[in-house]
Amino acid sequence: MPKQVISTSDAPAAVGAYSQGIIANGFVFTAGQVPLIPGASNLREGGIEAQTRQVMNNIKGVLEAAGSGLDGVVKTTVFLADINDFAAFNAVYAEFFPLDPPARTTIQAGGLPLGALIEVEAVALLQS
C-alpha cells in the first residue's frame, strides 16, 4: 500500500520539506503541530493553555482530512518548551481525550519552531 499525503486548510500549511500528514498501512501520522493559526503566519497568543488548544485543533484538522479523528489517536509525542507548563498543558490536553487517552510521551525541548511553547505529533488509526 503506497503512502498518501494529507493536505488541509484546517491546519497550518507546511513551511518546509514535510507533509501535514501521511496515511500509511492503516495509520495516520501527523507532522509536529505548533500553535500556528491556519491561514495565518502567527502563533496563537495566550500562554500554554491557548497554544495547547490551537495545537490540538490543528491535529484534529489533519486527522479529519485523512478520514480519522482524535478518537483514533493511539500515540502522541509532546514537546514542551518548559516542563513547568506540564500541569496546565495536561489539563487542556485531557479535554480533547476525555476517555481512553492515547499513549503519550512528554518531554522538555528547547528551541521549538517560531518560539512556540508546545509542539505535538500524533499517530492515529485510519478509520473507515
C-alpha atoms as a PDB file:
ATOM      1  CA  MET A   1       0.000   0.000   0.000  1.00  0.00           C
ATOM      2  CA  PRO A   2       1.650   3.285  -1.057  1.00  0.00           C
ATOM      3  CA  LYS A   3       1.680   6.235   1.306  1.00  0.00           C
ATOM      4  CA  GLN A   4      -0.827   9.036   0.815  1.00  0.00           C
ATOM      5  CA  VAL A   5      -0.027  12.681   1.573  1.00  0.00           C
ATOM      6  CA  ILE A   6      -2.611  14.658   3.547  1.00  0.00           C
ATOM      7  CA  SER A   7      -3.086  18.374   2.971  1.00  0.00           C
ATOM      8  CA  THR A   8      -5.796  20.545   4.517  1.00  0.00           C
ATOM      9  CA  SER A   9      -6.598  24.190   5.111  1.00  0.00           C
ATOM     10  CA  ASP A  10      -7.831  23.197   8.598  1.00  0.00           C
ATOM     11  CA  ALA A  11      -4.226  23.140   9.832  1.00  0.00           C
ATOM     12  CA  PRO A  12      -1.219  25.339   9.146  1.00  0.00           C
ATOM     13  CA  ALA A  13       0.406  24.767   5.775  1.00  0.00           C
ATOM     14  CA  ALA A  14       3.770  23.018   5.786  1.00  0.00           C
ATOM     15  CA  VAL A  15       6.573  25.584   5.924  1.00  0.00           C
ATOM     16  CA  GLY A  16       9.351  23.215   4.951  1.00  0.00           C
ATOM     17  CA  ALA A  17      10.099  19.889   3.338  1.00  0.00           C
ATOM     18  CA  TYR A  18       7.391  17.897   5.115  1.00  0.00           C
ATOM     19  CA  SER A  19       3.719  16.986   4.786  1.00  0.00           C
ATOM     20  CA  GLN A  20       0.972  17.871   7.249  1.00  0.00           C
ATOM     21  CA  GLY A  21       0.197  14.183   7.479  1.00  0.00           C
ATOM     22  CA  ILE A  22       0.764  10.817   5.862  1.00  0.00           C
ATOM     23  CA  ILE A  23      -1.516   7.800   5.622  1.00  0.00           C
ATOM     24  CA  ALA A  24       0.397   4.512   5.562  1.00  0.00           C
ATOM     25  CA  ASN A  25      -0.555   0.934   6.363  1.00  0.00           C
ATOM     26  CA  GLY A  26      -3.802   1.822   8.146  1.00  0.00           C
ATOM     27  CA  PHE A  27      -2.335   4.644  10.229  1.00  0.00           C
ATOM     28  CA  VAL A  28      -2.270   8.429  10.014  1.00  0.00           C
ATOM     29  CA  PHE A  29       0.973  10.121  11.065  1.00  0.00           C
ATOM     30  CA  THR A  30       0.784  13.862  11.664  1.00  0.00           C
ATOM     31  CA  ALA A  31       3.665  16.261  11.392  1.00  0.00           C
ATOM     32  CA  GLY A  32       4.522  18.032  14.606  1.00  0.00           C
ATOM     33  CA  GLN A  33       1.995  20.823  15.048  1.00  0.00           C
ATOM     34  CA  VAL A  34       2.880  24.119  16.671  1.00  0.00           C
ATOM     35  CA  PRO A  35       0.184  26.657  17.598  1.00  0.00           C
ATOM     36  CA  LEU A  36       0.104  28.399  14.230  1.00  0.00           C
ATOM     37  CA  ILE A  37      -3.312  29.653  13.251  1.00  0.00           C
ATOM     38  CA  PRO A  38      -4.389  28.048   9.949  1.00  0.00           C
ATOM     39  CA  GLY A  39      -4.216  30.553   7.110  1.00  0.00           C
ATOM     40  CA  ALA A  40      -2.063  32.949   9.131  1.00  0.00           C
ATOM     41  CA  SER A  41       1.618  33.190   9.920  1.00  0.00           C
ATOM     42  CA  ASN A  42       1.391  33.914  13.623  1.00  0.00           C
ATOM     43  CA  LEU A  43       1.276  31.781  16.746  1.00  0.00           C
ATOM     44  CA  ARG A  44      -1.808  31.694  18.956  1.00  0.00           C
ATOM     45  CA  GLU A  45      -1.275  34.079  21.850  1.00  0.00           C
ATOM     46  CA  GLY A  46      -2.449  33.497  25.396  1.00  0.00           C
ATOM     47  CA  GLY A  47       0.070  31.172  27.005  1.00  0.00           C
ATOM     48  CA  ILE A  48       0.337  27.407  27.198  1.00  0.00           C
ATOM     49  CA  GLU A  49      -3.401  26.785  27.533  1.00  0.00           C
ATOM     50  CA  ALA A  50      -4.318  28.714  24.385  1.00  0.00           C
ATOM     51  CA  GLN A  51      -1.371  27.253  22.482  1.00  0.00           C
ATOM     52  CA  THR A  52      -2.299  23.705  23.522  1.00  0.00           C
ATOM     53  CA  ARG A  53      -5.877  24.208  22.275  1.00  0.00           C
ATOM     54  CA  GLN A  54      -4.594  25.527  18.940  1.00  0.00           C
ATOM     55  CA  VAL A  55      -2.181  22.617  18.525  1.00  0.00           C
ATOM     56  CA  MET A  56      -4.864  20.053  19.308  1.00  0.00           C
ATOM     57  CA  ASN A  57      -7.293  21.696  16.876  1.00  0.00           C
ATOM     58  CA  ASN A  58      -4.566  21.650  14.205  1.00  0.00           C
ATOM     59  CA  ILE A  59      -4.015  17.926  14.809  1.00  0.00           C
ATOM     60  CA  LYS A  60      -7.765  17.359  14.672  1.00  0.00           C
ATOM     61  CA  GLY A  61      -7.880  19.136  11.290  1.00  0.00           C
ATOM     62  CA  VAL A  62      -5.152  16.925   9.809  1.00  0.00           C
ATOM     63  CA  LEU A  63      -6.702  13.743  11.183  1.00  0.00           C
ATOM     64  CA  GLU A  64     -10.185  14.603   9.909  1.00  0.00           C
ATOM     65  CA  ALA A  65      -8.796  15.422   6.466  1.00  0.00           C
ATOM     66  CA  ALA A  66      -7.278  11.934   6.481  1.00  0.00           C
ATOM     67  CA  GLY A  67     -10.560  10.263   7.440  1.00  0.00           C
ATOM     68  CA  SER A  68      -9.705   9.762  11.099  1.00  0.00           C
ATOM     69  CA  GLY A  69     -10.186  11.830  14.228  1.00  0.00           C
ATOM     70  CA  LEU A  70      -8.988  12.352  17.765  1.00  0.00           C
ATOM     71  CA  ASP A  71     -10.824   9.194  18.862  1.00  0.00           C
ATOM     72  CA  GLY A  72      -8.477   7.207  16.601  1.00  0.00           C
ATOM     73  CA  VAL A  73      -5.266   8.541  18.178  1.00  0.00           C
ATOM     74  CA  VAL A  74      -3.105   5.777  19.640  1.00  0.00           C
ATOM     75  CA  LYS A  75       0.082   7.744  20.449  1.00  0.00           C
ATOM     76  CA  THR A  76       1.179  11.334  20.843  1.00  0.00           C
ATOM     77  CA  THR A  77       4.567  12.886  21.406  1.00  0.00           C
ATOM     78  CA  VAL A  78       4.528  16.240  23.171  1.00  0.00           C
ATOM     79  CA  PHE A  79       7.389  18.719  23.235  1.00  0.00           C
ATOM     80  CA  LEU A  80       7.144  21.487  25.826  1.00  0.00           C
ATOM     81  CA  ALA A  81       9.471  24.473  25.827  1.00  0.00           C
ATOM     82  CA  ASP A  82       9.184  24.457  29.643  1.00  0.00           C
ATOM     83  CA  ILE A  83       8.320  21.269  31.547  1.00  0.00           C
ATOM     84  CA  ASN A  84       6.929  23.504  34.309  1.00  0.00           C
ATOM     85  CA  ASP A  85       3.961  24.059  31.946  1.00  0.00           C
ATOM     86  CA  PHE A  86       3.090  20.341  32.216  1.00  0.00           C
ATOM     87  CA  ALA A  87       0.086  20.674  34.570  1.00  0.00           C
ATOM     88  CA  ALA A  88      -1.527  23.485  32.561  1.00  0.00           C
ATOM     89  CA  PHE A  89      -0.880  21.662  29.277  1.00  0.00           C
ATOM     90  CA  ASN A  90      -2.190  18.371  30.676  1.00  0.00           C
ATOM     91  CA  ALA A  91      -5.462  19.938  31.847  1.00  0.00           C
ATOM     92  CA  VAL A  92      -6.238  21.236  28.339  1.00  0.00           C
ATOM     93  CA  TYR A  93      -4.974  18.062  26.620  1.00  0.00           C
ATOM     94  CA  ALA A  94      -7.340  15.984  28.796  1.00  0.00           C
ATOM     95  CA  GLU A  95     -10.310  17.949  27.386  1.00  0.00           C
ATOM     96  CA  PHE A  96      -9.505  16.501  23.939  1.00  0.00           C
ATOM     97  CA  PHE A  97      -9.187  12.912  25.232  1.00  0.00           C
ATOM     98  CA  PRO A  98     -11.821  12.571  27.985  1.00  0.00           C
ATOM     99  CA  LEU A  99     -11.984   8.759  27.719  1.00  0.00           C
ATOM    100  CA  ASP A 100      -9.257   6.231  26.999  1.00  0.00           C
ATOM    101  CA  PRO A 101      -6.466   8.695  26.194  1.00  0.00           C
ATOM    102  CA  PRO A 102      -3.687   7.570  23.863  1.00  0.00           C
ATOM    103  CA  ALA A 103      -0.223   6.552  24.935  1.00  0.00           C
ATOM    104  CA  ARG A 104       1.933   9.659  25.276  1.00  0.00           C
ATOM    105  CA  THR A 105       5.499  10.817  25.678  1.00  0.00           C
ATOM    106  CA  THR A 106       6.069  14.338  27.011  1.00  0.00           C
ATOM    107  CA  ILE A 107       9.498  15.950  27.097  1.00  0.00           C
ATOM    108  CA  GLN A 108      11.020  19.378  27.503  1.00  0.00           C
ATOM    109  CA  ALA A 109      12.611  20.552  24.274  1.00  0.00           C
ATOM    110  CA  GLY A 110      14.430  23.802  23.744  1.00  0.00           C
ATOM    111  CA  GLY A 111      14.091  25.953  20.671  1.00  0.00           C
ATOM    112  CA  LEU A 112      10.674  24.951  19.348  1.00  0.00           C
ATOM    113  CA  PRO A 113       9.771  26.476  15.960  1.00  0.00           C
ATOM    114  CA  LEU A 114       8.850  30.171  15.970  1.00  0.00           C
ATOM    115  CA  GLY A 115       9.259  30.329  19.747  1.00  0.00           C
ATOM    116  CA  ALA A 116       6.233  28.096  20.361  1.00  0.00           C
ATOM    117  CA  LEU A 117       5.585  26.836  23.872  1.00  0.00           C
ATOM    118  CA  ILE A 118       4.401  23.432  22.618  1.00  0.00           C
ATOM    119  CA  GLU A 119       4.583  21.047  19.663  1.00  0.00           C
ATOM    120  CA  VAL A 120       2.615  17.790  19.356  1.00  0.00           C
ATOM    121  CA  GLU A 121       2.672  14.957  16.832  1.00  0.00           C
ATOM    122  CA  ALA A 122       0.165  12.115  16.688  1.00  0.00           C
ATOM    123  CA  VAL A 123      -0.315   8.646  15.287  1.00  0.00           C
ATOM    124  CA  ALA A 124      -3.903   7.548  14.695  1.00  0.00           C
ATOM    125  CA  LEU A 125      -5.765   4.613  13.256  1.00  0.00           C
ATOM    126  CA  LEU A 126      -7.248   5.258   9.846  1.00  0.00           C
ATOM    127  CA  GLN A 127     -10.961   4.877  10.449  1.00  0.00           C
ATOM    128  CA  SER A 128     -13.370   3.521   7.898  1.00  0.00           C
END
